[in-house]
């Protein structure tokens, strides 16, 4: 009889933990399963849109209040970031991201860090770039948007 009671108690504890964990997964109004996978997918869409620029796609991935910091100190707004990609002032021939990590801050903010290696053709001038990057993403209106980005040069 004691073993049966212990088994029931264990079952109730496991069931209770399941309910608590399910509640944590959906707290803050975000559907279960959202978060890292979604923001990672948005970051990948942005990477691809920077190689083959499309103004509409870029507009949908970038927040109105974008602060896009370059390794040389220049800071772009949403308009200048998209404009430079569309007119070829910033031209990524290749854009590879490695060592990527994603850290969630609640349900609606994500910090992405990665190493960036690219072949560029900025304003028709070929070049290469190797950077470490921090991106800050926020869920706005149900969509992940890049709010801030800061790059630093990789030591040579």
Protein backbone atom coordinates (compact mmCIF):
# COMPACT_ATOMS: atom_id res chain seq x y z
CA UNK A 1 0.00 0.00 0.00
CA UNK A 2 2.83 2.40 0.84
CA UNK A 3 4.41 1.81 -2.62
CA UNK A 4 1.08 2.58 -4.33
CA UNK A 5 0.70 5.84 -2.40
CA UNK A 6 4.30 6.83 -3.23
CA UNK A 7 3.70 6.04 -6.91
CA UNK A 8 0.57 8.23 -6.94
CA UNK A 9 2.43 11.07 -5.23
CA UNK A 10 5.29 10.82 -7.74
CA UNK A 11 2.78 10.87 -10.58
CA UNK A 12 1.11 13.98 -9.18
CA UNK A 13 4.46 15.72 -8.73
CA UNK A 14 5.47 14.92 -12.33
CA UNK A 15 2.08 16.10 -13.62
CA UNK A 16 2.37 19.28 -11.57
CA UNK A 17 5.83 20.00 -12.92
CA UNK A 18 4.50 19.51 -16.43
CA UNK A 19 1.77 22.09 -15.84
CA UNK A 20 4.26 24.57 -14.36
CA UNK A 21 6.70 24.09 -17.24
CA UNK A 22 3.93 24.51 -19.80
CA UNK A 23 2.90 27.74 -18.10
CA UNK A 24 6.47 29.04 -18.22
CA UNK A 25 6.77 28.20 -21.91
CA UNK A 26 3.76 30.32 -22.77
CA UNK A 27 4.08 33.16 -20.27
CA UNK A 28 4.09 36.71 -21.60
CA UNK A 29 1.53 36.03 -24.30
CA UNK A 30 3.98 34.37 -26.70
CA UNK A 31 2.91 31.01 -28.11
CA UNK A 32 4.89 27.99 -26.96
CA UNK A 33 7.85 27.27 -29.20
CA UNK A 34 8.47 30.93 -30.07
CA UNK A 35 11.72 32.63 -29.29
CA UNK A 36 15.13 31.42 -30.33
CA UNK A 37 14.07 29.55 -33.47
CA UNK A 38 11.94 32.45 -34.73
CA UNK A 39 14.51 35.17 -34.09
CA UNK A 40 17.25 32.99 -35.60
CA UNK A 41 15.10 32.62 -38.72
CA UNK A 42 14.56 36.40 -38.86
CA UNK A 43 18.31 37.00 -38.55
CA UNK A 44 18.91 34.57 -41.41
CA UNK A 45 16.31 36.38 -43.57
CA UNK A 46 18.15 39.63 -42.84
CA UNK A 47 21.50 38.07 -43.80
CA UNK A 48 20.08 36.93 -47.13
CA UNK A 49 18.39 40.30 -47.73
CA UNK A 50 21.73 42.04 -47.20
CA UNK A 51 23.32 39.90 -49.95
CA UNK A 52 20.44 40.34 -52.40
CA UNK A 53 18.76 43.55 -51.19
CA UNK A 54 15.01 43.91 -51.37
CA UNK A 55 13.62 47.10 -49.83
CA UNK A 56 10.33 45.52 -48.78
CA UNK A 57 12.02 42.57 -47.08
CA UNK A 58 14.52 44.82 -45.31
CA UNK A 59 11.73 47.18 -44.21
CA UNK A 60 9.86 44.26 -42.63
CA UNK A 61 12.92 43.04 -40.68
CA UNK A 62 14.22 46.36 -39.36
CA UNK A 63 12.63 48.47 -36.62
CA UNK A 64 11.79 52.14 -37.24
CA UNK A 65 14.16 53.12 -34.40
CA UNK A 66 17.12 51.09 -35.77
CA UNK A 67 20.57 52.04 -34.51
CA UNK A 68 23.02 50.16 -36.76
CA UNK A 69 26.59 50.69 -35.55
CA UNK A 70 29.51 49.97 -37.86
CA UNK A 71 32.98 48.93 -36.71
CA UNK A 72 34.40 52.25 -37.93
CA UNK A 73 32.06 54.29 -35.73
CA UNK A 74 29.37 55.29 -38.23
CA UNK A 75 25.77 54.71 -37.08
CA UNK A 76 22.99 54.14 -39.59
CA UNK A 77 19.27 54.72 -39.17
CA UNK A 78 16.69 52.45 -40.78
CA UNK A 79 16.53 54.74 -43.81
CA UNK A 80 20.30 55.02 -44.32
CA UNK A 81 20.87 51.28 -43.68
CA UNK A 82 18.31 50.23 -46.29
CA UNK A 83 19.29 53.06 -48.67
CA UNK A 84 22.99 52.10 -48.62
CA UNK A 85 22.15 48.46 -49.41
CA UNK A 86 19.76 49.41 -52.20
CA UNK A 87 22.10 51.90 -53.91
CA UNK A 88 25.27 49.75 -53.60
CA UNK A 89 27.12 51.94 -51.10
CA UNK A 90 27.03 48.78 -48.93
CA UNK A 91 27.30 45.70 -51.14
CA UNK A 92 27.78 42.24 -49.64
CA UNK A 93 28.94 39.71 -52.23
CA UNK A 94 29.18 37.03 -49.52
CA UNK A 95 28.13 37.23 -45.87
CA UNK A 96 28.96 34.33 -43.58
CA UNK A 97 27.99 34.18 -39.91
CA UNK A 98 29.61 31.73 -37.49
CA UNK A 99 29.87 31.23 -33.72
CA UNK A 100 26.30 32.45 -33.37
CA UNK A 101 24.63 32.52 -29.96
CA UNK A 102 21.11 33.61 -29.09
CA UNK A 103 20.14 34.78 -25.60
CA UNK A 104 16.53 35.57 -24.83
CA UNK A 105 15.54 38.37 -22.46
CA UNK A 106 11.92 37.60 -21.73
CA UNK A 107 9.63 36.69 -24.60
CA UNK A 108 10.17 39.75 -26.78
CA UNK A 109 13.89 40.62 -26.76
CA UNK A 110 16.79 38.57 -28.11
CA UNK A 111 20.52 39.22 -28.18
CA UNK A 112 22.39 37.58 -31.04
CA UNK A 113 26.18 37.49 -31.19
CA UNK A 114 28.18 36.13 -34.11
CA UNK A 115 31.38 36.39 -36.08
CA UNK A 116 30.89 37.91 -39.53
CA UNK A 117 33.14 37.32 -42.53
CA UNK A 118 32.23 38.95 -45.83
CA UNK A 119 33.41 39.82 -49.29
CA UNK A 120 32.20 43.30 -50.13
CA UNK A 121 31.97 45.54 -53.17
CA UNK A 122 31.03 48.80 -51.44
CA UNK A 123 30.47 51.54 -54.03
CA UNK A 124 32.20 49.27 -56.57
CA UNK A 125 35.35 48.80 -54.47
CA UNK A 126 36.12 45.12 -53.61
CA UNK A 127 37.06 44.34 -50.03
CA UNK A 128 36.86 41.89 -47.14
CA UNK A 129 35.62 42.33 -43.62
CA UNK A 130 35.96 40.28 -40.44
CA UNK A 131 33.87 41.42 -37.47
CA UNK A 132 32.29 40.43 -34.19
CA UNK A 133 28.67 41.58 -34.04
CA UNK A 134 25.98 42.07 -31.42
CA UNK A 135 22.39 42.36 -32.65
CA UNK A 136 19.40 43.29 -30.50
CA UNK A 137 16.05 42.02 -31.78
CA UNK A 138 12.59 42.84 -30.44
CA UNK A 139 9.23 41.27 -31.17
CA UNK A 140 7.05 44.11 -32.49
CA UNK A 141 3.50 43.44 -33.65
CA UNK A 142 4.21 39.70 -33.62
CA UNK A 143 7.30 40.03 -35.86
CA UNK A 144 10.98 40.02 -34.90
CA UNK A 145 12.67 43.31 -35.83
CA UNK A 146 16.32 44.34 -35.60
CA UNK A 147 16.46 47.28 -33.17
CA UNK A 148 20.20 47.68 -32.71
CA UNK A 149 23.46 46.30 -34.07
CA UNK A 150 27.05 47.01 -33.12
CA UNK A 151 30.16 45.61 -34.79
CA UNK A 152 33.80 45.59 -33.76
CA UNK A 153 36.78 44.63 -35.89
CA UNK A 154 38.34 41.26 -35.25
CA UNK A 155 41.96 41.62 -34.09
CA UNK A 156 44.44 40.70 -36.83
